[in-house]
Amino acid sequence: MIRTLLLAALLLGARPSLAYQRAEVDSVPGRYLYWASRTISYAINRNGCKDVLINEAVGAVQRSFYSWASPSCNDLYFIYDGLVADEKSNLTLGQDEGPDRKNLVVWHATWPPVGVTDGSVTRDMPAVTTVIYNTDTGVIVDADIDLNAKDYFWTTTDDETKAATDIQNIVTHEIGHLLGLAHSKEKSSTMYETTRQGELDKRTLHADDELGVCTIYPYGQQSPKGAGQGKVPQDVQGGCSAGAARRSSPLALVPLLLLLALRLRRWI
C-alpha cells in the first residue's frame, strides 16, 4: 500500500486555472479520477453543525447532492444513508489504515481535526474534501467532506445579507471534488476556486459545472478515460478558496482570505 498527498489550496483572488478540470492521479497527467458506479451513497455525522438545527443542516447537504444529480445529461444517483456516529474520516485516517468506503460529511469542533498531523490543514480552511482512489485506474473508492466548525459560523438562510458560511454553497462545491472535478476557470461556476461571504450562487450548477459532470458521467455511457487508464478491478465496482465569516463575526460582510482544499490520497 502506498499513499501520497496532493494538496490544492487556493487564495481568494488567485489567478484562475484552465476551464472546467478533471482531477487526476498524482504524477499521471490524463489519468482521471471517477466513480465506477453511478450510485453513490453518503452519510452525515449525527452531531451535525452546532450553528443550525440538524434537520436544516441535513436538508442543505441533501440539496447539494441533488444539484449534481439534477442535470438530465448524467445518470448519477445519490443515496442518503442517514445520520451516523462515525467521526473518523479520510482526513483523519492513519497511514496504516485502509478506507472504510463510506462517504462521510462531518463537522469538527476542533480544527485541524484530532489526529491530523498534516501541517497544510490550517484554520484558513472552512472545508476539506479527501478523495481516496486506485492509482492504476483512477477509480475513487472513498471520499469524505470535513467541515471546520471551530473557526466558521455556518448558515442555511436564503438571505445573502444574513448568510455567513453557507452550508449548501460550500458543500455543493465540495461534492464537485468528491465526484472527480478540480477547480474551474469559469468565474460563474460552482467549481470556481473562490467565493465570498454570504454567497449563495454556488448552490446551483452553472453551464460549466454541468458540462464537467456530464462529461465524466454521461447518461447511459461509460466514463471517458485518459491515457494509460487501467482496467477497473472488480473489487471497486458498484458501489478552493472560500471567503466565509469567522465565528467571532457570523454576519460580517468584510472579505476574508481563506483556503479551500482538495486532498487526494492514493490507494494501491
C-alpha atoms as a PDB file:
ATOM      1  CA  MET A   1       0.000   0.000   0.000  1.00  0.00           C
ATOM      2  CA  ILE A   2       1.351   3.403  -0.992  1.00  0.00           C
ATOM      3  CA  ARG A   3      -0.157   6.738  -0.144  1.00  0.00           C
ATOM      4  CA  THR A   4       0.854  10.217  -1.089  1.00  0.00           C
ATOM      5  CA  LEU A   5      -0.873  13.539  -0.630  1.00  0.00           C
ATOM      6  CA  LEU A   6      -1.681  16.248  -3.122  1.00  0.00           C
ATOM      7  CA  LEU A   7      -2.998  19.452  -1.589  1.00  0.00           C
ATOM      8  CA  ALA A   8      -4.555  22.061  -3.881  1.00  0.00           C
ATOM      9  CA  ALA A   9      -5.218  25.172  -1.815  1.00  0.00           C
ATOM     10  CA  LEU A  10      -6.077  28.470  -3.459  1.00  0.00           C
ATOM     11  CA  LEU A  11      -6.361  32.018  -2.133  1.00  0.00           C
ATOM     12  CA  LEU A  12      -9.285  34.334  -2.667  1.00  0.00           C
ATOM     13  CA  GLY A  13      -8.470  36.377  -5.744  1.00  0.00           C
ATOM     14  CA  ALA A  14      -5.823  33.941  -7.018  1.00  0.00           C
ATOM     15  CA  ARG A  15      -5.295  33.581 -10.742  1.00  0.00           C
ATOM     16  CA  PRO A  16      -7.784  31.140 -12.301  1.00  0.00           C
ATOM     17  CA  SER A  17      -6.570  27.882 -13.790  1.00  0.00           C
ATOM     18  CA  LEU A  18      -7.908  26.463 -17.036  1.00  0.00           C
ATOM     19  CA  ALA A  19     -11.594  25.791 -17.853  1.00  0.00           C
ATOM     20  CA  TYR A  20     -13.514  23.051 -16.013  1.00  0.00           C
ATOM     21  CA  GLN A  21     -10.978  20.428 -14.967  1.00  0.00           C
ATOM     22  CA  ARG A  22     -10.989  16.774 -14.007  1.00  0.00           C
ATOM     23  CA  ALA A  23      -8.866  15.704 -11.048  1.00  0.00           C
ATOM     24  CA  GLU A  24      -6.002  13.392 -11.986  1.00  0.00           C
ATOM     25  CA  VAL A  25      -3.977  10.593 -10.456  1.00  0.00           C
ATOM     26  CA  ASP A  26      -0.906  12.140  -8.873  1.00  0.00           C
ATOM     27  CA  SER A  27       2.026  12.235 -11.316  1.00  0.00           C
ATOM     28  CA  VAL A  28      -0.004  10.714 -14.164  1.00  0.00           C
ATOM     29  CA  PRO A  29      -1.442  13.515 -16.348  1.00  0.00           C
ATOM     30  CA  GLY A  30      -4.580  12.399 -18.174  1.00  0.00           C
ATOM     31  CA  ARG A  31      -5.367   9.512 -15.831  1.00  0.00           C
ATOM     32  CA  TYR A  32      -8.582  10.899 -14.409  1.00  0.00           C
ATOM     33  CA  LEU A  33     -10.475  10.217 -11.192  1.00  0.00           C
ATOM     34  CA  TYR A  34     -14.059   8.960 -11.349  1.00  0.00           C
ATOM     35  CA  TRP A  35     -16.528   6.629  -9.631  1.00  0.00           C
ATOM     36  CA  ALA A  36     -17.055   3.226 -11.241  1.00  0.00           C
ATOM     37  CA  SER A  37     -20.673   3.208 -10.072  1.00  0.00           C
ATOM     38  CA  ARG A  38     -23.203   5.940 -10.808  1.00  0.00           C
ATOM     39  CA  THR A  39     -24.963   5.202  -7.496  1.00  0.00           C
ATOM     40  CA  ILE A  40     -23.115   6.875  -4.634  1.00  0.00           C
ATOM     41  CA  SER A  41     -24.178   6.761  -1.002  1.00  0.00           C
ATOM     42  CA  TYR A  42     -23.280   9.224   1.727  1.00  0.00           C
ATOM     43  CA  ALA A  43     -23.935   9.767   5.430  1.00  0.00           C
ATOM     44  CA  ILE A  44     -23.756  12.730   7.794  1.00  0.00           C
ATOM     45  CA  ASN A  45     -22.252  12.682  11.264  1.00  0.00           C
ATOM     46  CA  ARG A  46     -25.116  12.877  13.760  1.00  0.00           C
ATOM     47  CA  ASN A  47     -23.557  15.796  15.652  1.00  0.00           C
ATOM     48  CA  GLY A  48     -24.247  17.973  12.647  1.00  0.00           C
ATOM     49  CA  CYS A  49     -23.372  21.644  12.917  1.00  0.00           C
ATOM     50  CA  LYS A  50     -23.994  23.484  16.184  1.00  0.00           C
ATOM     51  CA  ASP A  51     -24.839  26.708  14.349  1.00  0.00           C
ATOM     52  CA  VAL A  52     -28.049  25.370  12.789  1.00  0.00           C
ATOM     53  CA  LEU A  53     -30.650  22.732  13.615  1.00  0.00           C
ATOM     54  CA  ILE A  54     -29.660  19.238  12.489  1.00  0.00           C
ATOM     55  CA  ASN A  55     -32.616  18.927  10.107  1.00  0.00           C
ATOM     56  CA  GLU A  56     -31.634  22.227   8.464  1.00  0.00           C
ATOM     57  CA  ALA A  57     -28.031  21.066   8.024  1.00  0.00           C
ATOM     58  CA  VAL A  58     -29.161  17.717   6.611  1.00  0.00           C
ATOM     59  CA  GLY A  59     -31.547  19.424   4.217  1.00  0.00           C
ATOM     60  CA  ALA A  60     -28.803  21.733   2.929  1.00  0.00           C
ATOM     61  CA  VAL A  61     -26.437  18.799   2.334  1.00  0.00           C
ATOM     62  CA  GLN A  62     -29.144  16.794   0.582  1.00  0.00           C
ATOM     63  CA  ARG A  63     -29.932  19.714  -1.714  1.00  0.00           C
ATOM     64  CA  SER A  64     -26.232  19.993  -2.506  1.00  0.00           C
ATOM     65  CA  PHE A  65     -26.104  16.390  -3.714  1.00  0.00           C
ATOM     66  CA  TYR A  66     -29.335  16.839  -5.654  1.00  0.00           C
ATOM     67  CA  SER A  67     -27.783  19.743  -7.550  1.00  0.00           C
ATOM     68  CA  TRP A  68     -25.249  17.372  -9.121  1.00  0.00           C
ATOM     69  CA  ALA A  69     -27.818  14.666  -9.933  1.00  0.00           C
ATOM     70  CA  SER A  70     -30.317  17.083 -11.475  1.00  0.00           C
ATOM     71  CA  PRO A  71     -28.811  17.624 -14.973  1.00  0.00           C
ATOM     72  CA  SER A  72     -30.534  15.109 -17.281  1.00  0.00           C
ATOM     73  CA  CYS A  73     -27.314  14.566 -19.235  1.00  0.00           C
ATOM     74  CA  ASN A  74     -25.873  12.456 -16.381  1.00  0.00           C
ATOM     75  CA  ASP A  75     -27.209   9.425 -14.545  1.00  0.00           C
ATOM     76  CA  LEU A  76     -25.780   9.943 -11.077  1.00  0.00           C
ATOM     77  CA  TYR A  77     -27.943   8.777  -8.191  1.00  0.00           C
ATOM     78  CA  PHE A  78     -27.195   9.624  -4.557  1.00  0.00           C
ATOM     79  CA  ILE A  79     -28.445   7.644  -1.579  1.00  0.00           C
ATOM     80  CA  TYR A  80     -28.613   9.298   1.841  1.00  0.00           C
ATOM     81  CA  ASP A  81     -27.684   6.707   4.466  1.00  0.00           C
ATOM     82  CA  GLY A  82     -28.822   8.877   7.365  1.00  0.00           C
ATOM     83  CA  LEU A  83     -27.135  10.213  10.483  1.00  0.00           C
ATOM     84  CA  VAL A  84     -24.262   8.118  11.801  1.00  0.00           C
ATOM     85  CA  ALA A  85     -21.963   8.122  14.812  1.00  0.00           C
ATOM     86  CA  ASP A  86     -18.836   7.882  12.655  1.00  0.00           C
ATOM     87  CA  GLU A  87     -16.461  10.812  13.077  1.00  0.00           C
ATOM     88  CA  LYS A  88     -13.325   9.332  11.578  1.00  0.00           C
ATOM     89  CA  SER A  89     -12.861  10.476   8.007  1.00  0.00           C
ATOM     90  CA  ASN A  90     -10.229  10.154   5.293  1.00  0.00           C
ATOM     91  CA  LEU A  91      -8.706  13.360   6.621  1.00  0.00           C
ATOM     92  CA  THR A  92      -8.002  11.716   9.997  1.00  0.00           C
ATOM     93  CA  LEU A  93      -7.131   8.301   8.581  1.00  0.00           C
ATOM     94  CA  GLY A  94      -3.814   6.890   9.781  1.00  0.00           C
ATOM     95  CA  GLN A  95      -1.167   5.994   7.219  1.00  0.00           C
ATOM     96  CA  ASP A  96      -1.542   2.301   8.051  1.00  0.00           C
ATOM     97  CA  GLU A  97      -5.325   2.296   7.843  1.00  0.00           C
ATOM     98  CA  GLY A  98      -7.444   1.491   4.826  1.00  0.00           C
ATOM     99  CA  PRO A  99     -10.540   3.431   3.718  1.00  0.00           C
ATOM    100  CA  ASP A 100     -13.895   2.367   5.139  1.00  0.00           C
ATOM    101  CA  ARG A 101     -15.569   3.082   1.776  1.00  0.00           C
ATOM    102  CA  LYS A 102     -18.237   5.150   3.498  1.00  0.00           C
ATOM    103  CA  ASN A 103     -18.636   8.686   2.218  1.00  0.00           C
ATOM    104  CA  LEU A 104     -18.999  10.952   5.229  1.00  0.00           C
ATOM    105  CA  VAL A 105     -19.911  14.602   5.752  1.00  0.00           C
ATOM    106  CA  VAL A 106     -18.732  15.741   9.165  1.00  0.00           C
ATOM    107  CA  TRP A 107     -18.287  18.995  11.080  1.00  0.00           C
ATOM    108  CA  HIS A 108     -15.355  19.127  13.511  1.00  0.00           C
ATOM    109  CA  ALA A 109     -15.426  21.214  16.690  1.00  0.00           C
ATOM    110  CA  THR A 110     -11.617  21.234  16.716  1.00  0.00           C
ATOM    111  CA  TRP A 111      -9.547  22.215  13.685  1.00  0.00           C
ATOM    112  CA  PRO A 112      -7.434  20.702  12.386  1.00  0.00           C
ATOM    113  CA  PRO A 113      -9.403  17.638  13.497  1.00  0.00           C
ATOM    114  CA  VAL A 114      -7.898  15.447  16.203  1.00  0.00           C
ATOM    115  CA  GLY A 115      -5.321  13.100  14.704  1.00  0.00           C
ATOM    116  CA  VAL A 116      -4.392  15.301  11.745  1.00  0.00           C
ATOM    117  CA  THR A 117      -0.655  15.929  11.660  1.00  0.00           C
ATOM    118  CA  ASP A 118      -0.552  17.396   8.157  1.00  0.00           C
ATOM    119  CA  GLY A 119       0.554  20.983   8.647  1.00  0.00           C
ATOM    120  CA  SER A 120      -1.077  22.095   5.408  1.00  0.00           C
ATOM    121  CA  VAL A 121      -4.528  21.739   7.002  1.00  0.00           C
ATOM    122  CA  THR A 122      -4.989  25.135   8.642  1.00  0.00           C
ATOM    123  CA  ARG A 123      -7.699  27.267  10.253  1.00  0.00           C
ATOM    124  CA  ASP A 124      -7.955  29.201   6.997  1.00  0.00           C
ATOM    125  CA  MET A 125      -9.812  26.227   5.514  1.00  0.00           C
ATOM    126  CA  PRO A 126     -13.579  26.065   6.083  1.00  0.00           C
ATOM    127  CA  ALA A 127     -13.732  22.711   4.289  1.00  0.00           C
ATOM    128  CA  VAL A 128     -11.516  19.905   3.014  1.00  0.00           C
ATOM    129  CA  THR A 129     -12.557  17.053   0.721  1.00  0.00           C
ATOM    130  CA  THR A 130     -10.286  13.995   0.861  1.00  0.00           C
ATOM    131  CA  VAL A 131     -10.588  11.576  -2.060  1.00  0.00           C
ATOM    132  CA  ILE A 132      -9.004   8.115  -1.961  1.00  0.00           C
ATOM    133  CA  TYR A 133      -8.515   6.440  -5.323  1.00  0.00           C
ATOM    134  CA  ASN A 134      -6.933   3.465  -7.069  1.00  0.00           C
ATOM    135  CA  THR A 135      -3.653   4.578  -8.619  1.00  0.00           C
ATOM    136  CA  ASP A 136      -3.839   2.187 -11.576  1.00  0.00           C
ATOM    137  CA  THR A 137      -7.348   3.075 -12.690  1.00  0.00           C
ATOM    138  CA  GLY A 138      -8.236   6.420 -11.129  1.00  0.00           C
ATOM    139  CA  VAL A 139     -11.375   4.838  -9.655  1.00  0.00           C
ATOM    140  CA  ILE A 140     -12.481   6.628  -6.489  1.00  0.00           C
ATOM    141  CA  VAL A 141     -13.124   4.252  -3.600  1.00  0.00           C
ATOM    142  CA  ASP A 142     -13.916   6.706  -0.799  1.00  0.00           C
ATOM    143  CA  ALA A 143     -14.474  10.456  -0.455  1.00  0.00           C
ATOM    144  CA  ASP A 144     -15.208  12.420   2.717  1.00  0.00           C
ATOM    145  CA  ILE A 145     -16.054  16.077   3.303  1.00  0.00           C
ATOM    146  CA  ASP A 146     -14.707  17.631   6.511  1.00  0.00           C
ATOM    147  CA  LEU A 147     -16.092  20.994   7.635  1.00  0.00           C
ATOM    148  CA  ASN A 148     -14.499  23.443  10.047  1.00  0.00           C
ATOM    149  CA  ALA A 149     -16.983  24.128  12.862  1.00  0.00           C
ATOM    150  CA  LYS A 150     -14.370  25.784  15.058  1.00  0.00           C
ATOM    151  CA  ASP A 151     -13.459  28.866  13.040  1.00  0.00           C
ATOM    152  CA  TYR A 152     -16.564  29.422  10.904  1.00  0.00           C
ATOM    153  CA  PHE A 153     -20.208  30.255  11.527  1.00  0.00           C
ATOM    154  CA  TRP A 154     -22.418  28.147   9.253  1.00  0.00           C
ATOM    155  CA  THR A 155     -25.839  29.223   7.989  1.00  0.00           C
ATOM    156  CA  THR A 156     -28.663  27.997   5.746  1.00  0.00           C
ATOM    157  CA  THR A 157     -30.582  31.240   5.211  1.00  0.00           C
ATOM    158  CA  ASP A 158     -31.599  32.310   1.719  1.00  0.00           C
ATOM    159  CA  ASP A 159     -30.890  35.945   2.617  1.00  0.00           C
ATOM    160  CA  GLU A 160     -27.386  36.896   1.453  1.00  0.00           C
ATOM    161  CA  THR A 161     -27.301  39.821   3.886  1.00  0.00           C
ATOM    162  CA  LYS A 162     -27.636  37.389   6.790  1.00  0.00           C
ATOM    163  CA  ALA A 163     -25.641  34.456   5.411  1.00  0.00           C
ATOM    164  CA  ALA A 164     -22.160  33.670   6.713  1.00  0.00           C
ATOM    165  CA  THR A 165     -20.577  30.386   5.599  1.00  0.00           C
ATOM    166  CA  ASP A 166     -23.477  28.897   3.676  1.00  0.00           C
ATOM    167  CA  ILE A 167     -23.667  25.119   4.019  1.00  0.00           C
ATOM    168  CA  GLN A 168     -25.222  24.441   0.632  1.00  0.00           C
ATOM    169  CA  ASN A 169     -22.888  26.850  -1.154  1.00  0.00           C
ATOM    170  CA  ILE A 170     -19.731  25.241   0.251  1.00  0.00           C
ATOM    171  CA  VAL A 171     -20.897  21.606   0.234  1.00  0.00           C
ATOM    172  CA  THR A 172     -22.075  21.783  -3.390  1.00  0.00           C
ATOM    173  CA  HIS A 173     -18.567  22.895  -4.367  1.00  0.00           C
ATOM    174  CA  GLU A 174     -17.028  20.116  -2.269  1.00  0.00           C
ATOM    175  CA  ILE A 175     -19.244  17.461  -3.861  1.00  0.00           C
ATOM    176  CA  GLY A 176     -17.781  18.500  -7.195  1.00  0.00           C
ATOM    177  CA  HIS A 177     -14.397  17.451  -5.816  1.00  0.00           C
ATOM    178  CA  LEU A 178     -15.939  14.242  -4.430  1.00  0.00           C
ATOM    179  CA  LEU A 179     -17.085  13.432  -7.988  1.00  0.00           C
ATOM    180  CA  GLY A 180     -13.656  13.966  -9.523  1.00  0.00           C
ATOM    181  CA  LEU A 181     -13.710  17.618 -10.559  1.00  0.00           C
ATOM    182  CA  ALA A 182     -10.911  20.071  -9.853  1.00  0.00           C
ATOM    183  CA  HIS A 183     -11.291  23.866  -9.985  1.00  0.00           C
ATOM    184  CA  SER A 184     -12.727  25.687 -12.979  1.00  0.00           C
ATOM    185  CA  LYS A 185     -11.620  28.868 -14.731  1.00  0.00           C
ATOM    186  CA  GLU A 186     -15.222  29.960 -15.225  1.00  0.00           C
ATOM    187  CA  LYS A 187     -15.933  32.600 -12.564  1.00  0.00           C
ATOM    188  CA  SER A 188     -19.676  31.970 -12.517  1.00  0.00           C
ATOM    189  CA  SER A 189     -19.294  28.221 -11.915  1.00  0.00           C
ATOM    190  CA  THR A 190     -19.809  26.284  -8.713  1.00  0.00           C
ATOM    191  CA  MET A 191     -16.310  24.841  -9.130  1.00  0.00           C
ATOM    192  CA  TYR A 192     -14.605  28.230  -9.447  1.00  0.00           C
ATOM    193  CA  GLU A 193     -11.748  28.487  -6.981  1.00  0.00           C
ATOM    194  CA  THR A 194     -13.068  31.405  -4.912  1.00  0.00           C
ATOM    195  CA  THR A 195     -16.216  32.513  -3.141  1.00  0.00           C
ATOM    196  CA  ARG A 196     -17.278  35.357  -0.866  1.00  0.00           C
ATOM    197  CA  GLN A 197     -19.064  35.701   2.432  1.00  0.00           C
ATOM    198  CA  GLY A 198     -22.779  35.271   2.107  1.00  0.00           C
ATOM    199  CA  GLU A 199     -22.508  33.848  -1.402  1.00  0.00           C
ATOM    200  CA  LEU A 200     -25.316  31.528  -2.431  1.00  0.00           C
ATOM    201  CA  ASP A 201     -24.547  31.289  -6.164  1.00  0.00           C
ATOM    202  CA  LYS A 202     -22.626  28.029  -5.862  1.00  0.00           C
ATOM    203  CA  ARG A 203     -25.729  26.254  -4.605  1.00  0.00           C
ATOM    204  CA  THR A 204     -26.838  25.892  -8.228  1.00  0.00           C
ATOM    205  CA  LEU A 205     -24.770  24.355 -11.014  1.00  0.00           C
ATOM    206  CA  HIS A 206     -23.829  26.552 -13.933  1.00  0.00           C
ATOM    207  CA  ALA A 207     -23.220  25.522 -17.545  1.00  0.00           C
ATOM    208  CA  ASP A 208     -19.539  24.807 -16.924  1.00  0.00           C
ATOM    209  CA  ASP A 209     -20.329  22.532 -13.972  1.00  0.00           C
ATOM    210  CA  GLU A 210     -22.981  20.643 -15.912  1.00  0.00           C
ATOM    211  CA  LEU A 211     -20.560  20.145 -18.780  1.00  0.00           C
ATOM    212  CA  GLY A 212     -17.970  18.772 -16.354  1.00  0.00           C
ATOM    213  CA  VAL A 213     -20.222  16.325 -14.521  1.00  0.00           C
ATOM    214  CA  CYS A 214     -21.896  15.147 -17.738  1.00  0.00           C
ATOM    215  CA  THR A 215     -18.525  14.621 -19.373  1.00  0.00           C
ATOM    216  CA  ILE A 216     -17.438  12.342 -16.526  1.00  0.00           C
ATOM    217  CA  TYR A 217     -20.790  10.588 -16.065  1.00  0.00           C
ATOM    218  CA  PRO A 218     -22.613  10.725 -19.429  1.00  0.00           C
ATOM    219  CA  TYR A 219     -26.106   9.269 -19.317  1.00  0.00           C
ATOM    220  CA  GLY A 220     -26.058   5.599 -20.336  1.00  0.00           C
ATOM    221  CA  GLN A 221     -22.406   5.664 -21.366  1.00  0.00           C
ATOM    222  CA  GLN A 222     -19.070   4.790 -19.782  1.00  0.00           C
ATOM    223  CA  SER A 223     -16.939   7.469 -18.165  1.00  0.00           C
ATOM    224  CA  PRO A 224     -14.274   8.634 -20.642  1.00  0.00           C
ATOM    225  CA  LYS A 225     -10.791   7.634 -19.567  1.00  0.00           C
ATOM    226  CA  GLY A 226      -7.459   9.272 -20.129  1.00  0.00           C
ATOM    227  CA  ALA A 227      -4.114   7.976 -21.338  1.00  0.00           C
ATOM    228  CA  GLY A 228      -2.822   4.910 -19.526  1.00  0.00           C
ATOM    229  CA  GLN A 229      -6.048   4.365 -17.590  1.00  0.00           C
ATOM    230  CA  GLY A 230      -6.101   0.751 -16.499  1.00  0.00           C
ATOM    231  CA  LYS A 231      -8.958  -1.717 -16.368  1.00  0.00           C
ATOM    232  CA  VAL A 232     -11.316  -1.267 -13.417  1.00  0.00           C
ATOM    233  CA  PRO A 233     -10.760  -4.125 -10.937  1.00  0.00           C
ATOM    234  CA  GLN A 234     -13.814  -5.990  -9.702  1.00  0.00           C
ATOM    235  CA  ASP A 235     -13.254  -5.092  -6.050  1.00  0.00           C
ATOM    236  CA  VAL A 236     -14.075  -1.437  -6.642  1.00  0.00           C
ATOM    237  CA  GLN A 237     -17.066  -1.889  -8.944  1.00  0.00           C
ATOM    238  CA  GLY A 238     -20.590  -0.918  -7.865  1.00  0.00           C
ATOM    239  CA  GLY A 239     -20.536   0.588  -5.261  1.00  0.00           C
ATOM    240  CA  CYS A 240     -10.943  26.341  -3.244  1.00  0.00           C
ATOM    241  CA  SER A 241     -10.595  29.429  -1.964  1.00  0.00           C
ATOM    242  CA  ALA A 242     -13.553  30.356   0.160  1.00  0.00           C
ATOM    243  CA  GLY A 243     -14.448  33.623   1.764  1.00  0.00           C
ATOM    244  CA  ALA A 244     -16.616  32.936   4.795  1.00  0.00           C
ATOM    245  CA  ALA A 245     -17.358  34.555   8.121  1.00  0.00           C
ATOM    246  CA  ARG A 246     -15.279  33.523  11.113  1.00  0.00           C
ATOM    247  CA  ARG A 247     -17.101  32.508  14.244  1.00  0.00           C
ATOM    248  CA  SER A 248     -16.277  35.742  16.042  1.00  0.00           C
ATOM    249  CA  SER A 249     -18.312  37.706  13.472  1.00  0.00           C
ATOM    250  CA  PRO A 250     -21.004  35.461  11.988  1.00  0.00           C
ATOM    251  CA  LEU A 251     -22.713  38.159   9.924  1.00  0.00           C
ATOM    252  CA  ALA A 252     -19.650  40.113   8.849  1.00  0.00           C
ATOM    253  CA  LEU A 253     -19.518  41.207   5.229  1.00  0.00           C
ATOM    254  CA  VAL A 254     -15.805  42.004   5.187  1.00  0.00           C
ATOM    255  CA  PRO A 255     -13.947  39.835   2.597  1.00  0.00           C
ATOM    256  CA  LEU A 256     -11.522  37.347   4.104  1.00  0.00           C
ATOM    257  CA  LEU A 257      -8.611  35.476   2.561  1.00  0.00           C
ATOM    258  CA  LEU A 258      -9.343  31.834   3.234  1.00  0.00           C
ATOM    259  CA  LEU A 259      -8.390  28.469   1.801  1.00  0.00           C
ATOM    260  CA  LEU A 260     -10.397  25.538   0.492  1.00  0.00           C
ATOM    261  CA  ALA A 261      -8.571  22.289  -0.100  1.00  0.00           C
ATOM    262  CA  LEU A 262      -8.871  19.122  -2.133  1.00  0.00           C
ATOM    263  CA  ARG A 263      -6.800  16.235  -0.778  1.00  0.00           C
ATOM    264  CA  LEU A 264      -6.067  13.213  -2.952  1.00  0.00           C
ATOM    265  CA  ARG A 265      -4.835  10.001  -1.343  1.00  0.00           C
ATOM    266  CA  ARG A 266      -3.581   7.147  -3.466  1.00  0.00           C
ATOM    267  CA  TRP A 267      -4.664   3.597  -2.714  1.00  0.00           C
ATOM    268  CA  ILE A 268      -2.993   0.515  -4.142  1.00  0.00           C
END
